[in-house]
Amino acid sequence: MSWDKRKAKRVHFEHEYRASLVGSDGAWQRDCVILDISETGARLRIEGSPDVLKTREFFLSLSRMGLVFRRCELVRLDGAEVGVRFKASRTVRA
């Protein structure tokens, strides 16, 4: 599967957009750069060992305060480049 088979239109950044990957249980964190992003997923360049991505599910934190994030699943790992799919959030009704 190559990067050019994406179904959703991607946004590419002119400057580095820094973010973090965080384990679902909060046990690990990796800094990353968002290379491109869409409504359905993103392509990232991670810093540090990709071994923690074996969990296949994690969060992409888009703000330093951790207030803006997306739940992700690993789609592709190629060295330091990672492809993720955003998982749909469940709607909670009161």
PDB file of N, CA and C in Angstrom:
ATOM      1  N   MET A   1       0.857  -1.183   0.000  1.00  0.00           N
ATOM      2  CA  MET A   1       0.000   0.000   0.000  1.00  0.00           C
ATOM      3  C   MET A   1       0.893   1.234   0.000  1.00  0.00           C
ATOM      4  N   SER A   2       0.673   2.137  -0.919  1.00  0.00           N
ATOM      5  CA  SER A   2       1.494   3.340  -0.968  1.00  0.00           C
ATOM      6  C   SER A   2       0.702   4.533  -0.472  1.00  0.00           C
ATOM      7  N   TRP A   3       1.439   5.605  -0.163  1.00  0.00           N
ATOM      8  CA  TRP A   3       0.815   6.802   0.396  1.00  0.00           C
ATOM      9  C   TRP A   3      -0.159   7.449  -0.592  1.00  0.00           C
ATOM     10  N   ASP A   4       0.006   7.240  -1.890  1.00  0.00           N
ATOM     11  CA  ASP A   4      -0.829   7.922  -2.875  1.00  0.00           C
ATOM     12  C   ASP A   4      -2.194   7.273  -3.082  1.00  0.00           C
ATOM     13  N   LYS A   5      -2.537   6.233  -2.329  1.00  0.00           N
ATOM     14  CA  LYS A   5      -3.836   5.576  -2.467  1.00  0.00           C
ATOM     15  C   LYS A   5      -4.841   6.075  -1.434  1.00  0.00           C
ATOM     16  N   ARG A   6      -4.596   7.220  -0.866  1.00  0.00           N
ATOM     17  CA  ARG A   6      -5.498   7.763   0.154  1.00  0.00           C
ATOM     18  C   ARG A   6      -6.833   8.136  -0.460  1.00  0.00           C
ATOM     19  N   LYS A   7      -7.891   7.937   0.321  1.00  0.00           N
ATOM     20  CA  LYS A   7      -9.237   8.251  -0.151  1.00  0.00           C
ATOM     21  C   LYS A   7      -9.630   9.690   0.151  1.00  0.00           C
ATOM     22  N   ALA A   8      -9.120  10.256   1.247  1.00  0.00           N
ATOM     23  CA  ALA A   8      -9.490  11.616   1.651  1.00  0.00           C
ATOM     24  C   ALA A   8      -8.408  12.609   1.228  1.00  0.00           C
ATOM     25  N   LYS A   9      -8.819  13.818   0.908  1.00  0.00           N
ATOM     26  CA  LYS A   9      -7.885  14.865   0.510  1.00  0.00           C
ATOM     27  C   LYS A   9      -7.016  15.254   1.707  1.00  0.00           C
ATOM     28  N   ARG A  10      -5.719  15.346   1.486  1.00  0.00           N
ATOM     29  CA  ARG A  10      -4.763  15.646   2.549  1.00  0.00           C
ATOM     30  C   ARG A  10      -4.341  17.103   2.521  1.00  0.00           C
ATOM     31  N   VAL A  11      -4.040  17.623   3.699  1.00  0.00           N
ATOM     32  CA  VAL A  11      -3.480  18.965   3.853  1.00  0.00           C
ATOM     33  C   VAL A  11      -2.000  18.791   4.162  1.00  0.00           C
ATOM     34  N   HIS A  12      -1.151  19.465   3.409  1.00  0.00           N
ATOM     35  CA  HIS A  12       0.296  19.433   3.631  1.00  0.00           C
ATOM     36  C   HIS A  12       0.703  20.744   4.279  1.00  0.00           C
ATOM     37  N   PHE A  13       1.614  20.680   5.223  1.00  0.00           N
ATOM     38  CA  PHE A  13       2.065  21.873   5.940  1.00  0.00           C
ATOM     39  C   PHE A  13       3.353  22.411   5.347  1.00  0.00           C
ATOM     40  N   GLU A  14       3.454  23.739   5.252  1.00  0.00           N
ATOM     41  CA  GLU A  14       4.679  24.365   4.765  1.00  0.00           C
ATOM     42  C   GLU A  14       5.767  24.329   5.831  1.00  0.00           C
ATOM     43  N   HIS A  15       5.370  24.384   7.090  1.00  0.00           N
ATOM     44  CA  HIS A  15       6.311  24.349   8.210  1.00  0.00           C
ATOM     45  C   HIS A  15       6.020  23.111   9.048  1.00  0.00           C
ATOM     46  N   GLU A  16       6.996  22.718   9.854  1.00  0.00           N
ATOM     47  CA  GLU A  16       6.782  21.562  10.719  1.00  0.00           C
ATOM     48  C   GLU A  16       5.645  21.821  11.696  1.00  0.00           C
ATOM     49  N   TYR A  17       4.712  20.878  11.768  1.00  0.00           N
ATOM     50  CA  TYR A  17       3.646  20.942  12.756  1.00  0.00           C
ATOM     51  C   TYR A  17       3.918  19.824  13.750  1.00  0.00           C
ATOM     52  N   ARG A  18       4.395  20.204  14.922  1.00  0.00           N
ATOM     53  CA  ARG A  18       4.801  19.247  15.947  1.00  0.00           C
ATOM     54  C   ARG A  18       3.607  18.774  16.763  1.00  0.00           C
ATOM     55  N   ALA A  19       3.631  17.500  17.105  1.00  0.00           N
ATOM     56  CA  ALA A  19       2.562  16.881  17.894  1.00  0.00           C
ATOM     57  C   ALA A  19       3.197  15.752  18.709  1.00  0.00           C
ATOM     58  N   SER A  20       2.369  14.958  19.371  1.00  0.00           N
ATOM     59  CA  SER A  20       2.862  13.822  20.160  1.00  0.00           C
ATOM     60  C   SER A  20       1.939  12.629  19.986  1.00  0.00           C
ATOM     61  N   LEU A  21       2.530  11.453  20.024  1.00  0.00           N
ATOM     62  CA  LEU A  21       1.769  10.217  20.102  1.00  0.00           C
ATOM     63  C   LEU A  21       1.811   9.781  21.558  1.00  0.00           C
ATOM     64  N   VAL A  22       0.671   9.365  22.094  1.00  0.00           N
ATOM     65  CA  VAL A  22       0.576   8.980  23.500  1.00  0.00           C
ATOM     66  C   VAL A  22      -0.138   7.636  23.576  1.00  0.00           C
ATOM     67  N   GLY A  23       0.409   6.726  24.361  1.00  0.00           N
ATOM     68  CA  GLY A  23      -0.204   5.423  24.552  1.00  0.00           C
ATOM     69  C   GLY A  23      -1.606   5.555  25.122  1.00  0.00           C
ATOM     70  N   SER A  24      -2.489   4.641  24.774  1.00  0.00           N
ATOM     71  CA  SER A  24      -3.867   4.677  25.256  1.00  0.00           C
ATOM     72  C   SER A  24      -3.950   4.698  26.772  1.00  0.00           C
ATOM     73  N   ASP A  25      -2.970   4.057  27.418  1.00  0.00           N
ATOM     74  CA  ASP A  25      -2.945   4.023  28.876  1.00  0.00           C
ATOM     75  C   ASP A  25      -2.044   5.106  29.471  1.00  0.00           C
ATOM     76  N   GLY A  26      -1.450   5.941  28.608  1.00  0.00           N
ATOM     77  CA  GLY A  26      -0.579   7.022  29.061  1.00  0.00           C
ATOM     78  C   GLY A  26       0.817   6.570  29.458  1.00  0.00           C
ATOM     79  N   ALA A  27       1.156   5.304  29.211  1.00  0.00           N
ATOM     80  CA  ALA A  27       2.436   4.747  29.649  1.00  0.00           C
ATOM     81  C   ALA A  27       3.621   5.194  28.792  1.00  0.00           C
ATOM     82  N   TRP A  28       3.380   5.692  27.595  1.00  0.00           N
ATOM     83  CA  TRP A  28       4.476   6.131  26.741  1.00  0.00           C
ATOM     84  C   TRP A  28       4.060   7.353  25.921  1.00  0.00           C
ATOM     85  N   GLN A  29       5.075   8.037  25.383  1.00  0.00           N
ATOM     86  CA  GLN A  29       4.857   9.237  24.573  1.00  0.00           C
ATOM     87  C   GLN A  29       6.002   9.351  23.586  1.00  0.00           C
ATOM     88  N   ARG A  30       5.709   9.747  22.353  1.00  0.00           N
ATOM     89  CA  ARG A  30       6.726   9.998  21.331  1.00  0.00           C
ATOM     90  C   ARG A  30       6.388  11.308  20.638  1.00  0.00           C
ATOM     91  N   ASP A  31       7.390  12.172  20.482  1.00  0.00           N
ATOM     92  CA  ASP A  31       7.206  13.386  19.710  1.00  0.00           C
ATOM     93  C   ASP A  31       7.134  13.006  18.237  1.00  0.00           C
ATOM     94  N   CYS A  32       6.403  13.808  17.472  1.00  0.00           N
ATOM     95  CA  CYS A  32       6.288  13.540  16.042  1.00  0.00           C
ATOM     96  C   CYS A  32       6.046  14.845  15.293  1.00  0.00           C
ATOM     97  N   VAL A  33       6.170  14.757  13.985  1.00  0.00           N
ATOM     98  CA  VAL A  33       5.868  15.860  13.080  1.00  0.00           C
ATOM     99  C   VAL A  33       4.774  15.363  12.144  1.00  0.00           C
ATOM    100  N   ILE A  34       3.719  16.153  11.994  1.00  0.00           N
ATOM    101  CA  ILE A  34       2.646  15.794  11.072  1.00  0.00           C
ATOM    102  C   ILE A  34       3.077  16.208   9.670  1.00  0.00           C
ATOM    103  N   LEU A  35       3.219  15.240   8.784  1.00  0.00           N
ATOM    104  CA  LEU A  35       3.621  15.517   7.409  1.00  0.00           C
ATOM    105  C   LEU A  35       2.421  15.919   6.564  1.00  0.00           C
ATOM    106  N   ASP A  36       1.313  15.230   6.753  1.00  0.00           N
ATOM    107  CA  ASP A  36       0.048  15.616   6.129  1.00  0.00           C
ATOM    108  C   ASP A  36      -1.081  14.995   6.938  1.00  0.00           C
ATOM    109  N   ILE A  37      -2.294  15.554   6.751  1.00  0.00           N
ATOM    110  CA  ILE A  37      -3.424  15.137   7.578  1.00  0.00           C
ATOM    111  C   ILE A  37      -4.721  15.315   6.795  1.00  0.00           C
ATOM    112  N   SER A  38      -5.726  14.495   7.120  1.00  0.00           N
ATOM    113  CA  SER A  38      -7.048  14.613   6.512  1.00  0.00           C
ATOM    114  C   SER A  38      -8.095  14.340   7.585  1.00  0.00           C
ATOM    115  N   GLU A  39      -9.334  14.260   7.176  1.00  0.00           N
ATOM    116  CA  GLU A  39     -10.412  13.937   8.112  1.00  0.00           C
ATOM    117  C   GLU A  39     -10.290  12.501   8.616  1.00  0.00           C
ATOM    118  N   THR A  40      -9.667  11.632   7.832  1.00  0.00           N
ATOM    119  CA  THR A  40      -9.633  10.211   8.169  1.00  0.00           C
ATOM    120  C   THR A  40      -8.316   9.695   8.718  1.00  0.00           C
ATOM    121  N   GLY A  41      -7.223  10.455   8.564  1.00  0.00           N
ATOM    122  CA  GLY A  41      -5.934   9.965   9.038  1.00  0.00           C
ATOM    123  C   GLY A  41      -4.817  10.953   8.820  1.00  0.00           C
ATOM    124  N   ALA A  42      -3.595  10.484   9.076  1.00  0.00           N
ATOM    125  CA  ALA A  42      -2.429  11.355   8.953  1.00  0.00           C
ATOM    126  C   ALA A  42      -1.187  10.534   8.636  1.00  0.00           C
ATOM    127  N   ARG A  43      -0.193  11.224   8.113  1.00  0.00           N
ATOM    128  CA  ARG A  43       1.141  10.656   7.915  1.00  0.00           C
ATOM    129  C   ARG A  43       2.074  11.433   8.818  1.00  0.00           C
ATOM    130  N   LEU A  44       2.829  10.717   9.644  1.00  0.00           N
ATOM    131  CA  LEU A  44       3.661  11.329  10.670  1.00  0.00           C
ATOM    132  C   LEU A  44       5.102  10.865  10.550  1.00  0.00           C
ATOM    133  N   ARG A  45       6.014  11.668  11.065  1.00  0.00           N
ATOM    134  CA  ARG A  45       7.411  11.261  11.237  1.00  0.00           C
ATOM    135  C   ARG A  45       7.662  11.244  12.733  1.00  0.00           C
ATOM    136  N   ILE A  46       7.931  10.075  13.294  1.00  0.00           N
ATOM    137  CA  ILE A  46       8.106   9.980  14.741  1.00  0.00           C
ATOM    138  C   ILE A  46       9.576  10.110  15.124  1.00  0.00           C
ATOM    139  N   GLU A  47       9.787  10.540  16.342  1.00  0.00           N
ATOM    140  CA  GLU A  47      11.127  10.666  16.903  1.00  0.00           C
ATOM    141  C   GLU A  47      11.269   9.608  17.983  1.00  0.00           C
ATOM    142  N   GLY A  48      12.354   8.897  17.977  1.00  0.00           N
ATOM    143  CA  GLY A  48      12.555   7.830  18.947  1.00  0.00           C
ATOM    144  C   GLY A  48      12.130   6.490  18.374  1.00  0.00           C
ATOM    145  N   SER A  49      12.228   5.480  19.194  1.00  0.00           N
ATOM    146  CA  SER A  49      11.936   4.110  18.787  1.00  0.00           C
ATOM    147  C   SER A  49      10.456   3.913  18.471  1.00  0.00           C
ATOM    148  N   PRO A  50      10.158   3.246  17.350  1.00  0.00           N
ATOM    149  CA  PRO A  50       8.762   2.959  17.008  1.00  0.00           C
ATOM    150  C   PRO A  50       8.231   1.713  17.719  1.00  0.00           C
ATOM    151  N   ASP A  51       9.036   1.072  18.562  1.00  0.00           N
ATOM    152  CA  ASP A  51       8.623  -0.166  19.233  1.00  0.00           C
ATOM    153  C   ASP A  51       7.313  -0.024  19.991  1.00  0.00           C
ATOM    154  N   VAL A  52       7.063   1.152  20.562  1.00  0.00           N
ATOM    155  CA  VAL A  52       5.846   1.353  21.351  1.00  0.00           C
ATOM    156  C   VAL A  52       4.584   1.277  20.496  1.00  0.00           C
ATOM    157  N   LEU A  53       4.719   1.400  19.185  1.00  0.00           N
ATOM    158  CA  LEU A  53       3.560   1.373  18.299  1.00  0.00           C
ATOM    159  C   LEU A  53       3.017  -0.036  18.078  1.00  0.00           C
ATOM    160  N   LYS A  54       3.641  -1.023  18.693  1.00  0.00           N
ATOM    161  CA  LYS A  54       3.138  -2.396  18.604  1.00  0.00           C
ATOM    162  C   LYS A  54       1.735  -2.509  19.180  1.00  0.00           C
ATOM    163  N   THR A  55       1.360  -1.579  20.039  1.00  0.00           N
ATOM    164  CA  THR A  55       0.018  -1.594  20.615  1.00  0.00           C
ATOM    165  C   THR A  55      -1.038  -1.342  19.549  1.00  0.00           C
ATOM    166  N   ARG A  56      -0.638  -0.705  18.454  1.00  0.00           N
ATOM    167  CA  ARG A  56      -1.472  -0.408  17.286  1.00  0.00           C
ATOM    168  C   ARG A  56      -2.581   0.606  17.527  1.00  0.00           C
ATOM    169  N   GLU A  57      -2.899   0.934  18.780  1.00  0.00           N
ATOM    170  CA  GLU A  57      -3.864   1.990  19.077  1.00  0.00           C
ATOM    171  C   GLU A  57      -3.254   2.962  20.075  1.00  0.00           C
ATOM    172  N   PHE A  58      -3.459   4.261  19.802  1.00  0.00           N
ATOM    173  CA  PHE A  58      -2.863   5.305  20.626  1.00  0.00           C
ATOM    174  C   PHE A  58      -3.567   6.611  20.317  1.00  0.00           C
ATOM    175  N   PHE A  59      -3.109   7.687  20.929  1.00  0.00           N
ATOM    176  CA  PHE A  59      -3.679   9.008  20.691  1.00  0.00           C
ATOM    177  C   PHE A  59      -2.654   9.893  20.003  1.00  0.00           C
ATOM    178  N   LEU A  60      -3.130  10.745  19.105  1.00  0.00           N
ATOM    179  CA  LEU A  60      -2.330  11.798  18.503  1.00  0.00           C
ATOM    180  C   LEU A  60      -2.740  13.084  19.198  1.00  0.00           C
ATOM    181  N   SER A  61      -1.842  13.630  20.009  1.00  0.00           N
ATOM    182  CA  SER A  61      -2.112  14.861  20.740  1.00  0.00           C
ATOM    183  C   SER A  61      -1.658  16.036  19.891  1.00  0.00           C
ATOM    184  N   LEU A  62      -2.603  16.907  19.556  1.00  0.00           N
ATOM    185  CA  LEU A  62      -2.327  18.019  18.651  1.00  0.00           C
ATOM    186  C   LEU A  62      -1.997  19.322  19.374  1.00  0.00           C
ATOM    187  N   SER A  63      -2.097  19.316  20.704  1.00  0.00           N
ATOM    188  CA  SER A  63      -1.770  20.528  21.459  1.00  0.00           C
ATOM    189  C   SER A  63      -0.834  20.173  22.607  1.00  0.00           C
ATOM    190  N   ARG A  64      -0.027  21.110  23.006  1.00  0.00           N
ATOM    191  CA  ARG A  64       0.918  20.873  24.107  1.00  0.00           C
ATOM    192  C   ARG A  64       0.205  20.589  25.416  1.00  0.00           C
ATOM    193  N   MET A  65      -0.985  21.125  25.578  1.00  0.00           N
ATOM    194  CA  MET A  65      -1.756  20.917  26.802  1.00  0.00           C
ATOM    195  C   MET A  65      -2.513  19.582  26.771  1.00  0.00           C
ATOM    196  N   GLY A  66      -2.532  18.913  25.620  1.00  0.00           N
ATOM    197  CA  GLY A  66      -3.218  17.642  25.501  1.00  0.00           C
ATOM    198  C   GLY A  66      -4.728  17.768  25.404  1.00  0.00           C
ATOM    199  N   LEU A  67      -5.213  18.971  25.130  1.00  0.00           N
ATOM    200  CA  LEU A  67      -6.655  19.187  25.083  1.00  0.00           C
ATOM    201  C   LEU A  67      -7.268  18.828  23.733  1.00  0.00           C
ATOM    202  N   VAL A  68      -6.452  18.778  22.696  1.00  0.00           N
ATOM    203  CA  VAL A  68      -6.942  18.436  21.362  1.00  0.00           C
ATOM    204  C   VAL A  68      -6.219  17.164  20.934  1.00  0.00           C
ATOM    205  N   PHE A  69      -6.988  16.104  20.731  1.00  0.00           N
ATOM    206  CA  PHE A  69      -6.367  14.835  20.376  1.00  0.00           C
ATOM    207  C   PHE A  69      -7.317  13.998  19.529  1.00  0.00           C
ATOM    208  N   ARG A  70      -6.750  13.012  18.853  1.00  0.00           N
ATOM    209  CA  ARG A  70      -7.518  12.060  18.054  1.00  0.00           C
ATOM    210  C   ARG A  70      -7.080  10.654  18.426  1.00  0.00           C
ATOM    211  N   ARG A  71      -8.020   9.750  18.536  1.00  0.00           N
ATOM    212  CA  ARG A  71      -7.726   8.344  18.777  1.00  0.00           C
ATOM    213  C   ARG A  71      -7.340   7.731  17.435  1.00  0.00           C
ATOM    214  N   CYS A  72      -6.234   6.976  17.404  1.00  0.00           N
ATOM    215  CA  CYS A  72      -5.683   6.469  16.153  1.00  0.00           C
ATOM    216  C   CYS A  72      -5.414   4.976  16.208  1.00  0.00           C
ATOM    217  N   GLU A  73      -5.319   4.401  15.007  1.00  0.00           N
ATOM    218  CA  GLU A  73      -4.800   3.045  14.886  1.00  0.00           C
ATOM    219  C   GLU A  73      -3.719   3.059  13.815  1.00  0.00           C
ATOM    220  N   LEU A  74      -2.700   2.261  14.024  1.00  0.00           N
ATOM    221  CA  LEU A  74      -1.574   2.180  13.108  1.00  0.00           C
ATOM    222  C   LEU A  74      -2.005   1.502  11.819  1.00  0.00           C
ATOM    223  N   VAL A  75      -1.681   2.128  10.688  1.00  0.00           N
ATOM    224  CA  VAL A  75      -1.990   1.564   9.384  1.00  0.00           C
ATOM    225  C   VAL A  75      -0.704   1.109   8.709  1.00  0.00           C
ATOM    226  N   ARG A  76       0.346   1.924   8.856  1.00  0.00           N
ATOM    227  CA  ARG A  76       1.596   1.645   8.154  1.00  0.00           C
ATOM    228  C   ARG A  76       2.770   2.177   8.950  1.00  0.00           C
ATOM    229  N   LEU A  77       3.844   1.403   8.980  1.00  0.00           N
ATOM    230  CA  LEU A  77       5.088   1.821   9.630  1.00  0.00           C
ATOM    231  C   LEU A  77       6.219   1.562   8.650  1.00  0.00           C
ATOM    232  N   ASP A  78       6.940   2.618   8.291  1.00  0.00           N
ATOM    233  CA  ASP A  78       8.049   2.518   7.348  1.00  0.00           C
ATOM    234  C   ASP A  78       9.202   3.336   7.901  1.00  0.00           C
ATOM    235  N   GLY A  79      10.030   2.720   8.719  1.00  0.00           N
ATOM    236  CA  GLY A  79      11.115   3.441   9.374  1.00  0.00           C
ATOM    237  C   GLY A  79      10.545   4.424  10.368  1.00  0.00           C
ATOM    238  N   ALA A  80      10.839   5.717  10.163  1.00  0.00           N
ATOM    239  CA  ALA A  80      10.325   6.757  11.063  1.00  0.00           C
ATOM    240  C   ALA A  80       8.986   7.322  10.591  1.00  0.00           C
ATOM    241  N   GLU A  81       8.525   6.902   9.404  1.00  0.00           N
ATOM    242  CA  GLU A  81       7.239   7.389   8.887  1.00  0.00           C
ATOM    243  C   GLU A  81       6.110   6.453   9.279  1.00  0.00           C
ATOM    244  N   VAL A  82       5.028   7.060   9.757  1.00  0.00           N
ATOM    245  CA  VAL A  82       3.894   6.299  10.265  1.00  0.00           C
ATOM    246  C   VAL A  82       2.616   6.780   9.593  1.00  0.00           C
ATOM    247  N   GLY A  83       1.787   5.846   9.190  1.00  0.00           N
ATOM    248  CA  GLY A  83       0.454   6.167   8.693  1.00  0.00           C
ATOM    249  C   GLY A  83      -0.557   5.764   9.749  1.00  0.00           C
ATOM    250  N   VAL A  84      -1.461   6.670  10.091  1.00  0.00           N
ATOM    251  CA  VAL A  84      -2.487   6.369  11.092  1.00  0.00           C
ATOM    252  C   VAL A  84      -3.870   6.657  10.528  1.00  0.00           C
ATOM    253  N   ARG A  85      -4.848   5.892  11.003  1.00  0.00           N
ATOM    254  CA  ARG A  85      -6.247   6.109  10.675  1.00  0.00           C
ATOM    255  C   ARG A  85      -6.919   6.602  11.944  1.00  0.00           C
ATOM    256  N   PHE A  86      -7.717   7.652  11.827  1.00  0.00           N
ATOM    257  CA  PHE A  86      -8.446   8.156  12.983  1.00  0.00           C
ATOM    258  C   PHE A  86      -9.644   7.252  13.232  1.00  0.00           C
ATOM    259  N   LYS A  87      -9.797   6.865  14.477  1.00  0.00           N
ATOM    260  CA  LYS A  87     -10.932   6.030  14.865  1.00  0.00           C
ATOM    261  C   LYS A  87     -12.084   6.946  15.241  1.00  0.00           C
ATOM    262  N   ALA A  88     -13.274   6.551  14.883  1.00  0.00           N
ATOM    263  CA  ALA A  88     -14.465   7.349  15.186  1.00  0.00           C
ATOM    264  C   ALA A  88     -14.675   7.375  16.691  1.00  0.00           C
ATOM    265  N   SER A  89     -15.028   8.540  17.184  1.00  0.00           N
ATOM    266  CA  SER A  89     -15.335   8.651  18.611  1.00  0.00           C
ATOM    267  C   SER A  89     -16.774   8.253  18.841  1.00  0.00           C
ATOM    268  N   ARG A  90     -17.025   7.685  19.968  1.00  0.00           N
ATOM    269  CA  ARG A  90     -18.384   7.275  20.315  1.00  0.00           C
ATOM    270  C   ARG A  90     -19.146   8.469  20.868  1.00  0.00           C
ATOM    271  N   THR A  91     -20.380   8.563  20.480  1.00  0.00           N
ATOM    272  CA  THR A  91     -21.228   9.649  20.978  1.00  0.00           C
ATOM    273  C   THR A  91     -21.861   9.215  22.296  1.00  0.00           C
ATOM    274  N   VAL A  92     -21.708  10.055  23.306  1.00  0.00           N
ATOM    275  CA  VAL A  92     -22.287   9.777  24.600  1.00  0.00           C
ATOM    276  C   VAL A  92     -23.562  10.598  24.739  1.00  0.00           C
ATOM    277  N   ARG A  93     -24.670   9.931  25.039  1.00  0.00           N
ATOM    278  CA  ARG A  93     -25.940  10.640  25.173  1.00  0.00           C
ATOM    279  C   ARG A  93     -26.371  10.617  26.628  1.00  0.00           C
ATOM    280  N   ALA A  94     -26.861  11.743  27.090  1.00  0.00           N
ATOM    281  CA  ALA A  94     -27.301  11.842  28.484  1.00  0.00           C
ATOM    282  C   ALA A  94     -28.770  11.518  28.604  1.00  0.00           C
TER     283      ALA A  94
END
